[in-house]
Amino acid sequence: MRLLIAILTAALLAGSALPARAADDSKVKAATEQVQTGAKKIGDGEVGSGTKETAKGIGNTIVEGAKYSGAKLKDFFSRAFGS
């Protein structure tokens, strides 16, 4: 177990020293804006449509955030282990 932790730590340090590729986070930003728009509608008294849009935006943020994180992890391990 200690060996695995040492290897992962070394890979993390080596990977962080490499230049990072720019990941596309535009979908995450768009979903976040959808949450903000829905929240503003709730504040303006449009509770029904604002709540619906906020809930959709939260769901989209979670999905797109997971995809973005997966892509970043894939890039990291590709650079670290040369796969």
C-alpha atoms as a PDB file:
ATOM      1  CA  MET A   1       0.000   0.000   0.000  1.00  0.00           C
ATOM      2  CA  ARG A   2       2.852   2.382   0.807  1.00  0.00           C
ATOM      3  CA  LEU A   3       4.444   1.600  -2.542  1.00  0.00           C
ATOM      4  CA  LEU A   4       1.214   2.493  -4.357  1.00  0.00           C
ATOM      5  CA  ILE A   5       0.953   5.780  -2.480  1.00  0.00           C
ATOM      6  CA  ALA A   6       4.596   6.572  -3.257  1.00  0.00           C
ATOM      7  CA  ILE A   7       4.076   5.829  -6.956  1.00  0.00           C
ATOM      8  CA  LEU A   8       0.908   7.946  -7.149  1.00  0.00           C
ATOM      9  CA  THR A   9       2.622  10.809  -5.321  1.00  0.00           C
ATOM     10  CA  ALA A  10       5.590  10.663  -7.682  1.00  0.00           C
ATOM     11  CA  ALA A  11       3.262  10.574 -10.683  1.00  0.00           C
ATOM     12  CA  LEU A  12       1.354  13.569  -9.358  1.00  0.00           C
ATOM     13  CA  LEU A  13       4.524  15.563  -8.854  1.00  0.00           C
ATOM     14  CA  ALA A  14       5.911  14.583 -12.260  1.00  0.00           C
ATOM     15  CA  GLY A  15       2.614  15.349 -13.976  1.00  0.00           C
ATOM     16  CA  SER A  16       2.319  18.750 -12.369  1.00  0.00           C
ATOM     17  CA  ALA A  17       5.746  19.692 -13.719  1.00  0.00           C
ATOM     18  CA  LEU A  18       4.671  18.996 -17.300  1.00  0.00           C
ATOM     19  CA  PRO A  19       2.941  21.709 -19.312  1.00  0.00           C
ATOM     20  CA  ALA A  20      -0.814  21.311 -19.083  1.00  0.00           C
ATOM     21  CA  ARG A  21      -3.064  21.196 -22.106  1.00  0.00           C
ATOM     22  CA  ALA A  22      -5.997  23.559 -22.042  1.00  0.00           C
ATOM     23  CA  ALA A  23      -9.181  21.676 -21.320  1.00  0.00           C
ATOM     24  CA  ASP A  24     -12.504  22.817 -22.718  1.00  0.00           C
ATOM     25  CA  ASP A  25     -14.512  24.036 -19.772  1.00  0.00           C
ATOM     26  CA  SER A  26     -17.029  26.036 -21.812  1.00  0.00           C
ATOM     27  CA  LYS A  27     -19.835  23.534 -21.185  1.00  0.00           C
ATOM     28  CA  VAL A  28     -19.242  23.696 -17.435  1.00  0.00           C
ATOM     29  CA  LYS A  29     -19.330  27.495 -17.572  1.00  0.00           C
ATOM     30  CA  ALA A  30     -22.551  27.429 -19.612  1.00  0.00           C
ATOM     31  CA  ALA A  31     -24.226  25.118 -17.105  1.00  0.00           C
ATOM     32  CA  THR A  32     -23.090  27.361 -14.252  1.00  0.00           C
ATOM     33  CA  GLU A  33     -24.606  30.361 -16.013  1.00  0.00           C
ATOM     34  CA  GLN A  34     -27.864  28.420 -16.357  1.00  0.00           C
ATOM     35  CA  VAL A  35     -27.930  27.962 -12.575  1.00  0.00           C
ATOM     36  CA  GLN A  36     -27.309  31.678 -12.077  1.00  0.00           C
ATOM     37  CA  THR A  37     -30.057  32.629 -14.526  1.00  0.00           C
ATOM     38  CA  GLY A  38     -32.540  30.377 -12.749  1.00  0.00           C
ATOM     39  CA  ALA A  39     -31.557  31.784  -9.374  1.00  0.00           C
ATOM     40  CA  LYS A  40     -32.094  35.328 -10.659  1.00  0.00           C
ATOM     41  CA  LYS A  41     -35.568  34.364 -11.897  1.00  0.00           C
ATOM     42  CA  ILE A  42     -36.412  33.037  -8.440  1.00  0.00           C
ATOM     43  CA  GLY A  43     -35.227  36.337  -6.979  1.00  0.00           C
ATOM     44  CA  ASP A  44     -37.457  38.210  -9.427  1.00  0.00           C
ATOM     45  CA  GLY A  45     -40.515  36.272  -8.287  1.00  0.00           C
ATOM     46  CA  GLU A  46     -40.603  33.669 -11.090  1.00  0.00           C
ATOM     47  CA  VAL A  47     -40.342  30.783  -8.650  1.00  0.00           C
ATOM     48  CA  GLY A  48     -41.722  28.021 -10.909  1.00  0.00           C
ATOM     49  CA  SER A  49     -39.600  28.635 -13.990  1.00  0.00           C
ATOM     50  CA  GLY A  50     -36.616  29.777 -11.935  1.00  0.00           C
ATOM     51  CA  THR A  51     -36.617  26.627  -9.837  1.00  0.00           C
ATOM     52  CA  LYS A  52     -36.923  24.446 -12.919  1.00  0.00           C
ATOM     53  CA  GLU A  53     -34.063  26.200 -14.704  1.00  0.00           C
ATOM     54  CA  THR A  54     -31.885  26.130 -11.592  1.00  0.00           C
ATOM     55  CA  ALA A  55     -32.452  22.393 -11.142  1.00  0.00           C
ATOM     56  CA  LYS A  56     -31.624  21.722 -14.796  1.00  0.00           C
ATOM     57  CA  GLY A  57     -28.524  23.881 -14.505  1.00  0.00           C
ATOM     58  CA  ILE A  58     -27.343  22.045 -11.404  1.00  0.00           C
ATOM     59  CA  GLY A  59     -27.795  18.718 -13.183  1.00  0.00           C
ATOM     60  CA  ASN A  60     -25.925  19.976 -16.234  1.00  0.00           C
ATOM     61  CA  THR A  61     -23.152  21.369 -14.052  1.00  0.00           C
ATOM     62  CA  ILE A  62     -22.704  17.999 -12.358  1.00  0.00           C
ATOM     63  CA  VAL A  63     -22.645  16.095 -15.650  1.00  0.00           C
ATOM     64  CA  GLU A  64     -20.334  18.489 -17.456  1.00  0.00           C
ATOM     65  CA  GLY A  65     -18.109  18.835 -14.395  1.00  0.00           C
ATOM     66  CA  ALA A  66     -17.716  15.060 -14.227  1.00  0.00           C
ATOM     67  CA  LYS A  67     -16.854  14.904 -17.932  1.00  0.00           C
ATOM     68  CA  TYR A  68     -14.339  17.738 -17.538  1.00  0.00           C
ATOM     69  CA  SER A  69     -12.749  16.106 -14.481  1.00  0.00           C
ATOM     70  CA  GLY A  70     -12.538  12.781 -16.296  1.00  0.00           C
ATOM     71  CA  ALA A  71     -10.808  14.407 -19.242  1.00  0.00           C
ATOM     72  CA  LYS A  72      -8.333  16.146 -16.926  1.00  0.00           C
ATOM     73  CA  LEU A  73      -7.556  12.870 -15.126  1.00  0.00           C
ATOM     74  CA  LYS A  74      -7.141  11.061 -18.434  1.00  0.00           C
ATOM     75  CA  ASP A  75      -4.711  13.739 -19.607  1.00  0.00           C
ATOM     76  CA  PHE A  76      -2.798  13.543 -16.348  1.00  0.00           C
ATOM     77  CA  PHE A  77      -2.356   9.769 -16.445  1.00  0.00           C
ATOM     78  CA  SER A  78      -1.543   9.840 -20.156  1.00  0.00           C
ATOM     79  CA  ARG A  79       1.281  12.285 -19.491  1.00  0.00           C
ATOM     80  CA  ALA A  80       2.435  10.577 -16.310  1.00  0.00           C
ATOM     81  CA  PHE A  81       2.516   7.036 -17.644  1.00  0.00           C
ATOM     82  CA  GLY A  82       2.842   7.635 -21.386  1.00  0.00           C
ATOM     83  CA  SER A  83      -0.312   5.736 -22.380  1.00  0.00           C
END
